[in-house]
Amino acid sequence: TTISRRIEEIDINRIGGQGENIFVVSKATLPVLKSWPSKRKNLLVAFVLAGGLAVGLCFFLDYMDTTVKGEVDVRRVLNSKVLAGIPNIRQKGEGAGESDLVVLDSPRSHTAEAFRALRTALTFSLPGENIRSVVVSSALPSEGKSLAAINLAITQAQTNKRTILIDGDMRKPRLHHVFGVSNHHGLSGLLSGAEDKNLNELIVETPVENMHFLPCGPIPRNPAERLEGKAFGNLLESLHNDYDFIVIDSPPGFSLVDSLILAKHTDGLILVVRSFVTPKAAAEQFATRLSEADARLLGVVMN
């Protein structure tokens, strides 16, 4: 084959030198398959590039998202554990968010079950210790701390424990609105010594059996100083004689010290974190300040 092709080339060169320079050696044939573009190859390349870009975008968005998203963030950033996850109370079938008394008004809802799971997890959070008093707080406002405090108290009362809920948020109290009682007298007056009523007269009954409520009272000028005095410690000792469980709703702890002071007088603090909203830096700083104040972080509630 090679010899024949070489002979033809020599003949072509010989003939070419006698006149015409171009001769038809063999006629071209149309290709059966396209050499370019290859749809299959292009689709494969596009699929690989699109997948790589999608994965890269997910990692980038996750890197840029600085909020607490789940249990992994809680363990890594706060060095704590998740006690319970609370679903959205405004979704269909969860009471439509009409009342903060979710466990009482919608006992069969997923939210009510989540608060009962919180009660159980709290019982086993400190093995060998009987937890009788807790503070419920959050790093920033509007993260659901009051909702968690109210319903935790209700679940404790439903186990036949004499329970009292204290509104310790002397910055922006709101629990008296939930129970429809007056806030003219309460905790702040007891701590200042200006209250003309005794403790038993200030404690009010709630719609929940075995559960009572102590309002905040008038907002003082110096809430932190009121809590640091001996009066609050004496008050808790008196309440421990009459109640099996004490729940205290406190102000947000990122920029205020009230919750730190309250936590030192109790068995520990429950931190409420709103998923995909609470910044990691705020929650981490609050947890660090708790540790520096020798107060215990019992766990985190993902709201």
Protein backbone atom coordinates (compact mmCIF):
# COMPACT_ATOMS: atom_id res chain seq x y z
CA THR A 1 0.00 0.00 0.00
CA THR A 2 2.80 2.41 0.88
CA ILE A 3 4.71 1.58 -2.34
CA SER A 4 1.59 2.13 -4.46
CA ARG A 5 0.90 5.50 -2.81
CA ARG A 6 4.55 6.53 -3.43
CA ILE A 7 4.35 5.58 -7.11
CA GLU A 8 1.18 7.65 -7.52
CA GLU A 9 2.88 10.67 -5.93
CA ILE A 10 5.85 10.34 -8.31
CA ASP A 11 3.50 10.11 -11.30
CA ILE A 12 1.57 13.14 -10.10
CA ASN A 13 4.74 15.19 -9.76
CA ARG A 14 5.91 14.07 -13.17
CA ILE A 15 2.64 14.94 -14.82
CA GLY A 16 2.38 18.20 -12.89
CA GLY A 17 5.64 19.39 -14.33
CA GLN A 18 4.20 19.09 -17.91
CA GLY A 19 1.39 21.60 -17.58
CA GLU A 20 -1.46 21.79 -15.07
CA ASN A 21 -0.52 21.93 -11.39
CA ILE A 22 -3.83 20.63 -9.97
CA PHE A 23 -5.34 17.21 -10.64
CA VAL A 24 -8.23 15.32 -9.05
CA VAL A 25 -6.72 12.33 -7.40
CA SER A 26 -9.92 11.13 -5.65
CA LYS A 27 -13.29 12.75 -5.05
CA ALA A 28 -14.15 13.85 -1.51
CA THR A 29 -17.06 12.19 0.25
CA LEU A 30 -19.46 13.81 2.74
CA PRO A 31 -18.82 12.76 6.39
CA VAL A 32 -21.45 10.58 7.99
CA LEU A 33 -20.97 12.06 11.53
CA LYS A 34 -20.42 15.65 12.61
CA SER A 35 -16.95 16.33 13.93
CA TRP A 36 -18.02 19.58 15.61
CA PRO A 37 -19.94 20.63 17.66
CA SER A 38 -20.49 17.53 19.80
CA LYS A 39 -23.74 17.96 21.71
CA ARG A 40 -23.01 15.07 24.04
CA LYS A 41 -19.59 16.41 24.94
CA ASN A 42 -20.86 19.96 25.39
CA LEU A 43 -23.71 18.79 27.64
CA LEU A 44 -21.31 16.78 29.76
CA VAL A 45 -18.95 19.75 30.16
CA ALA A 46 -21.88 22.06 30.99
CA PHE A 47 -23.18 19.61 33.58
CA VAL A 48 -19.79 19.31 35.29
CA LEU A 49 -19.23 23.08 35.30
CA ALA A 50 -22.77 23.79 36.57
CA GLY A 51 -22.39 21.25 39.38
CA GLY A 52 -19.04 22.69 40.42
CA LEU A 53 -20.40 26.23 40.40
CA ALA A 54 -23.46 25.16 42.44
CA VAL A 55 -21.32 23.45 45.08
CA GLY A 56 -18.97 26.42 45.21
CA LEU A 57 -21.90 28.82 45.58
CA CYS A 58 -23.32 26.74 48.45
CA PHE A 59 -20.00 26.80 50.28
CA PHE A 60 -19.69 30.53 49.68
CA LEU A 61 -23.19 31.28 50.98
CA ASP A 62 -22.60 29.05 54.01
CA TYR A 63 -19.32 30.87 54.68
CA MET A 64 -21.01 34.26 54.41
CA ASP A 65 -23.95 33.23 56.65
CA THR A 66 -22.84 34.13 60.17
CA THR A 67 -25.99 32.98 61.98
CA VAL A 68 -26.53 29.95 64.21
CA LYS A 69 -28.23 27.35 62.03
CA GLY A 70 -28.28 24.07 63.92
CA GLU A 71 -26.77 21.69 66.43
CA VAL A 72 -23.36 21.67 64.72
CA ASP A 73 -23.05 25.44 65.24
CA VAL A 74 -24.24 25.13 68.84
CA ARG A 75 -21.57 22.54 69.66
CA ARG A 76 -18.78 24.30 67.79
CA VAL A 77 -19.52 27.94 68.66
CA LEU A 78 -21.19 27.67 72.08
CA ASN A 79 -19.66 24.40 73.29
CA SER A 80 -23.11 23.34 74.46
CA LYS A 81 -25.97 21.03 73.47
CA VAL A 82 -29.42 21.51 71.99
CA LEU A 83 -32.13 20.72 74.52
CA ALA A 84 -35.05 21.09 72.10
CA GLY A 85 -36.10 22.51 68.77
CA ILE A 86 -39.27 24.62 68.78
CA PRO A 87 -41.25 24.77 65.51
CA ASN A 88 -42.97 27.88 64.23
CA ILE A 89 -46.14 28.42 66.29
CA ARG A 90 -47.68 30.45 63.47
CA GLN A 91 -47.75 27.59 60.99
CA LYS A 92 -51.00 25.77 60.33
CA GLY A 93 -52.04 23.47 63.14
CA GLU A 94 -49.76 25.07 65.73
CA GLY A 95 -52.26 27.50 67.26
CA ALA A 96 -51.72 30.21 64.65
CA GLY A 97 -49.67 32.20 67.13
CA GLU A 98 -52.75 33.62 68.85
CA SER A 99 -51.52 32.82 72.37
CA ASP A 100 -48.22 32.34 74.15
CA LEU A 101 -49.79 29.57 76.24
CA VAL A 102 -49.17 27.00 73.53
CA VAL A 103 -48.92 23.96 75.79
CA LEU A 104 -52.21 24.91 77.48
CA ASP A 105 -54.19 25.99 74.40
CA SER A 106 -52.81 23.49 71.86
CA PRO A 107 -51.63 20.49 73.91
CA ARG A 108 -51.49 18.13 70.92
CA SER A 109 -49.51 20.42 68.64
CA HIS A 110 -45.91 19.77 67.61
CA THR A 111 -44.86 22.91 69.48
CA ALA A 112 -46.39 21.69 72.74
CA GLU A 113 -44.64 18.35 72.29
CA ALA A 114 -41.36 20.19 71.72
CA PHE A 115 -41.73 22.02 75.03
CA ARG A 116 -42.42 18.73 76.80
CA ALA A 117 -39.24 17.39 75.19
CA LEU A 118 -37.44 20.44 76.59
CA ARG A 119 -38.71 19.60 80.07
CA THR A 120 -37.41 16.03 79.75
CA ALA A 121 -34.04 17.09 78.33
CA LEU A 122 -33.60 19.62 81.10
CA THR A 123 -34.19 16.93 83.72
CA PHE A 124 -31.24 14.90 82.38
CA SER A 125 -28.98 17.84 81.46
CA LEU A 126 -27.07 17.58 84.76
CA PRO A 127 -26.84 13.92 85.80
CA GLY A 128 -27.01 13.48 89.53
CA GLU A 129 -28.39 16.96 90.19
CA ASN A 130 -31.97 18.01 90.79
CA ILE A 131 -32.59 21.20 88.83
CA ARG A 132 -35.09 23.40 90.65
CA SER A 133 -34.52 26.89 89.25
CA VAL A 134 -33.58 28.11 85.77
CA VAL A 135 -33.19 31.40 83.95
CA VAL A 136 -34.41 31.65 80.35
CA SER A 137 -32.66 34.24 78.22
CA SER A 138 -31.45 35.02 74.70
CA ALA A 139 -28.58 36.93 73.19
CA LEU A 140 -30.78 39.47 71.38
CA PRO A 141 -34.43 40.60 71.61
CA SER A 142 -37.30 38.89 69.77
CA GLU A 143 -35.80 35.41 69.81
CA GLY A 144 -38.55 33.65 71.78
CA LYS A 145 -37.19 33.60 75.34
CA SER A 146 -40.48 34.64 76.96
CA LEU A 147 -42.40 32.04 74.95
CA ALA A 148 -39.95 29.36 76.09
CA ALA A 149 -40.09 30.48 79.74
CA ILE A 150 -43.89 30.46 79.84
CA ASN A 151 -44.34 27.05 78.28
CA LEU A 152 -41.49 25.45 80.20
CA ALA A 153 -43.21 26.55 83.41
CA ILE A 154 -46.51 25.11 82.17
CA THR A 155 -44.95 21.74 81.37
CA GLN A 156 -43.33 21.59 84.81
CA ALA A 157 -46.66 22.38 86.49
CA GLN A 158 -48.36 19.64 84.49
CA THR A 159 -46.10 17.08 86.18
CA ASN A 160 -47.68 18.03 89.54
CA LYS A 161 -44.75 20.25 90.51
CA ARG A 162 -45.60 23.47 92.28
CA THR A 163 -44.15 25.94 89.80
CA ILE A 164 -43.72 29.70 89.82
CA LEU A 165 -42.87 31.86 86.82
CA ILE A 166 -41.07 35.12 87.61
CA ASP A 167 -40.89 38.04 85.19
CA GLY A 168 -37.29 39.09 85.80
CA ASP A 169 -37.12 41.27 82.70
CA MET A 170 -37.03 44.65 84.43
CA ARG A 171 -36.16 46.33 81.14
CA LYS A 172 -39.15 45.43 79.00
CA PRO A 173 -41.60 43.19 80.91
CA ARG A 174 -44.43 41.56 78.98
CA LEU A 175 -45.54 38.46 80.88
CA HIS A 176 -48.23 40.38 82.77
CA HIS A 177 -49.95 40.97 79.41
CA VAL A 178 -49.98 37.23 78.74
CA PHE A 179 -51.75 36.46 82.02
CA GLY A 180 -53.86 39.62 82.03
CA VAL A 181 -52.72 40.95 85.42
CA SER A 182 -51.57 44.32 86.69
CA ASN A 183 -47.89 45.24 86.75
CA HIS A 184 -48.14 48.01 89.35
CA HIS A 185 -46.66 45.74 92.03
CA GLY A 186 -44.13 42.97 91.78
CA LEU A 187 -40.49 41.90 91.87
CA SER A 188 -38.90 45.33 91.51
CA GLY A 189 -40.77 46.67 94.54
CA LEU A 190 -39.76 43.69 96.67
CA LEU A 191 -36.09 44.12 95.81
CA SER A 192 -36.09 47.85 96.51
CA GLY A 193 -37.93 47.50 99.81
CA ALA A 194 -40.55 50.01 98.68
CA GLU A 195 -43.30 47.43 98.21
CA ASP A 196 -46.13 47.77 100.73
CA LYS A 197 -47.36 44.23 100.02
CA ASN A 198 -45.74 40.99 101.08
CA LEU A 199 -44.63 38.23 98.71
CA ASN A 200 -47.76 36.11 99.06
CA GLU A 201 -49.94 39.08 98.14
CA LEU A 202 -47.97 39.74 94.97
CA ILE A 203 -48.02 36.18 93.65
CA VAL A 204 -51.02 35.60 91.38
CA GLU A 205 -52.70 32.44 90.16
CA THR A 206 -52.69 31.39 86.51
CA PRO A 207 -55.07 29.30 84.38
CA VAL A 208 -52.62 26.42 84.83
CA GLU A 209 -53.03 24.18 87.85
CA ASN A 210 -50.00 24.15 90.21
CA MET A 211 -48.55 27.25 88.50
CA HIS A 212 -48.25 30.80 89.91
CA PHE A 213 -46.83 34.03 88.53
CA LEU A 214 -44.84 36.90 90.04
CA PRO A 215 -45.04 40.08 87.91
CA CYS A 216 -42.07 42.33 87.32
CA GLY A 217 -43.56 45.47 88.82
CA PRO A 218 -42.64 49.05 87.88
CA ILE A 219 -39.48 49.37 85.80
CA PRO A 220 -36.66 50.63 88.08
CA ARG A 221 -33.82 52.93 87.08
CA ASN A 222 -31.13 50.44 88.09
CA PRO A 223 -32.31 46.86 87.45
CA ALA A 224 -28.86 45.29 87.69
CA GLU A 225 -28.17 46.85 91.09
CA ARG A 226 -31.51 45.58 92.38
CA LEU A 227 -30.62 42.02 91.40
CA GLU A 228 -27.12 42.12 92.86
CA GLY A 229 -28.33 42.82 96.37
CA LYS A 230 -29.04 40.18 99.01
CA ALA A 231 -32.78 40.71 98.64
CA PHE A 232 -33.02 38.60 95.49
CA GLY A 233 -31.10 35.69 97.01
CA ASN A 234 -33.36 35.80 100.06
CA LEU A 235 -36.40 35.89 97.80
CA LEU A 236 -35.31 32.74 95.97
CA GLU A 237 -34.67 30.92 99.23
CA SER A 238 -38.18 31.78 100.36
CA LEU A 239 -39.66 30.59 97.05
CA HIS A 240 -37.71 27.32 97.19
CA ASN A 241 -39.53 26.52 100.43
CA ASP A 242 -42.92 26.81 98.72
CA TYR A 243 -42.27 25.70 95.14
CA ASP A 244 -40.69 22.71 93.43
CA PHE A 245 -39.58 24.58 90.32
CA ILE A 246 -38.77 28.23 89.53
CA VAL A 247 -38.58 29.70 86.02
CA ILE A 248 -37.25 33.24 85.55
CA ASP A 249 -37.66 35.20 82.34
CA SER A 250 -34.72 37.58 81.96
CA PRO A 251 -33.64 40.33 79.53
CA PRO A 252 -31.41 39.56 76.51
CA GLY A 253 -27.84 39.00 77.65
CA PHE A 254 -25.68 40.28 74.79
CA SER A 255 -25.49 43.85 76.10
CA LEU A 256 -27.11 43.53 79.55
CA VAL A 257 -25.82 41.86 82.72
CA ASP A 258 -29.18 41.06 84.31
CA SER A 259 -29.32 37.47 83.04
CA LEU A 260 -25.76 36.83 84.24
CA ILE A 261 -26.66 37.94 87.75
CA LEU A 262 -29.86 35.90 87.76
CA ALA A 263 -28.05 32.79 86.50
CA LYS A 264 -25.57 32.91 89.40
CA HIS A 265 -28.49 32.62 91.86
CA THR A 266 -30.06 29.63 90.06
CA ASP A 267 -29.06 26.18 88.81
CA GLY A 268 -28.26 27.54 85.37
CA LEU A 269 -29.41 29.35 82.24
CA ILE A 270 -31.22 28.17 79.12
CA LEU A 271 -30.22 30.11 76.02
CA VAL A 272 -32.88 30.56 73.35
CA VAL A 273 -31.46 30.90 69.83
CA ARG A 274 -33.48 31.74 66.75
CA SER A 275 -32.28 29.59 63.86
CA PHE A 276 -30.83 31.46 60.88
CA VAL A 277 -31.36 34.78 62.73
CA THR A 278 -29.16 34.87 65.84
CA PRO A 279 -25.59 35.92 64.91
CA LYS A 280 -22.88 33.48 65.97
CA ALA A 281 -20.77 36.31 67.40
CA ALA A 282 -23.58 37.52 69.70
CA ALA A 283 -24.38 34.04 70.99
CA GLU A 284 -20.70 33.18 71.47
CA GLN A 285 -20.02 36.38 73.40
CA PHE A 286 -23.00 35.76 75.67
CA ALA A 287 -21.81 32.20 76.37
CA THR A 288 -18.31 33.48 77.11
CA ARG A 289 -19.65 36.07 79.56
CA LEU A 290 -21.68 33.36 81.27
CA SER A 291 -18.57 31.26 81.75
CA GLU A 292 -16.60 34.23 83.07
CA ALA A 293 -19.41 34.94 85.57
CA ASP A 294 -19.25 31.33 86.85
CA ALA A 295 -22.80 30.73 85.67
CA ARG A 296 -23.83 27.47 84.01
CA LEU A 297 -25.23 27.20 80.52
CA LEU A 298 -27.62 24.26 80.77
CA GLY A 299 -28.28 24.09 77.04
CA VAL A 300 -29.72 25.77 73.99
CA VAL A 301 -33.26 25.90 72.68
CA MET A 302 -33.42 26.28 68.89
CA ASN A 303 -36.49 28.37 68.17
